Amino acid sequence: DAVGVAYVSNGVANTEDTVTHTLGRTPVGILHGIPDKSAVVYADNQAAWSSTNVRLKASAATVTVNILLF
């Protein structure tokens, strides 16, 4: 099973964002689409993921990208 979410990073590059999801369990990974600007989307705090939230970062400010959590 998997769920898609739209991720928009905050206004400061490389700062953590909490992204809410409806997967119903803690995801084991992500796949992401093409960001709307040059950026790397990454997770460096995967231990903090839960059945309702994941924590992501983007290397540029206000990046929009579709994420698939699985």
Protein backbone atom coordinates (compact mmCIF):
# COMPACT_ATOMS: atom_id res chain seq x y z
CA ASP A 1 0.00 0.00 0.00
CA ALA A 2 1.03 3.60 -0.56
CA VAL A 3 -0.35 7.12 -0.37
CA GLY A 4 0.46 10.25 -2.32
CA VAL A 5 0.90 13.69 -0.76
CA ALA A 6 1.87 17.11 -2.07
CA TYR A 7 4.94 18.48 -0.26
CA VAL A 8 5.71 22.19 -0.19
CA SER A 9 8.89 23.00 1.70
CA ASN A 10 9.04 26.02 3.96
CA GLY A 11 10.77 29.31 3.15
CA VAL A 12 14.18 28.29 4.49
CA ALA A 13 16.25 25.68 2.65
CA ASN A 14 17.41 22.57 4.51
CA THR A 15 15.01 22.95 7.43
CA GLU A 16 12.70 20.18 8.53
CA ASP A 17 9.02 20.14 7.59
CA THR A 18 6.35 17.90 9.06
CA VAL A 19 4.18 16.37 6.35
CA THR A 20 0.85 14.78 7.32
CA HIS A 21 -0.23 11.58 5.58
CA THR A 22 -3.07 9.05 5.72
CA LEU A 23 -1.13 5.81 5.18
CA GLY A 24 -2.20 4.50 8.59
CA ARG A 25 1.24 3.14 9.45
CA THR A 26 4.80 4.41 9.58
CA PRO A 27 6.14 4.57 6.01
CA VAL A 28 9.31 2.67 5.14
CA GLY A 29 10.29 4.95 2.27
CA ILE A 30 9.40 7.65 -0.22
CA LEU A 31 9.46 8.18 -3.95
CA HIS A 32 9.14 11.69 -5.28
CA GLY A 33 8.27 13.31 -8.55
CA ILE A 34 10.00 16.18 -10.28
CA PRO A 35 10.27 19.27 -8.03
CA ASP A 36 9.11 22.60 -9.44
CA LYS A 37 12.65 23.98 -9.03
CA SER A 38 16.15 22.61 -8.74
CA ALA A 39 16.27 20.91 -5.33
CA VAL A 40 17.00 17.69 -3.50
CA VAL A 41 14.20 16.38 -1.27
CA TYR A 42 15.49 14.23 1.58
CA ALA A 43 14.80 12.83 5.04
CA ASP A 44 17.53 12.91 7.67
CA ASN A 45 15.23 12.19 10.64
CA GLN A 46 13.42 9.05 9.52
CA ALA A 47 13.37 7.77 13.12
CA ALA A 48 10.79 10.51 13.87
CA TRP A 49 8.33 9.27 11.23
CA SER A 50 4.98 8.04 12.52
CA SER A 51 1.69 6.61 11.31
CA THR A 52 0.45 10.17 10.64
CA ASN A 53 3.55 12.30 9.87
CA VAL A 54 6.91 12.21 8.12
CA ARG A 55 9.72 14.74 8.35
CA LEU A 56 11.29 15.97 5.12
CA LYS A 57 13.74 18.64 3.99
CA ALA A 58 14.44 20.31 0.66
CA SER A 59 17.68 21.91 -0.45
CA ALA A 60 15.82 24.98 -1.76
CA ALA A 61 13.10 27.16 -0.26
CA THR A 62 9.42 26.69 -1.17
CA VAL A 63 9.83 23.62 -3.35
CA THR A 64 6.65 21.85 -4.46
CA VAL A 65 6.78 18.15 -5.28
CA ASN A 66 4.46 15.14 -5.17
CA ILE A 67 5.59 12.40 -2.78
CA LEU A 68 4.57 8.74 -2.68
CA LEU A 69 4.90 7.23 0.80
CA PHE A 70 5.03 3.45 1.05
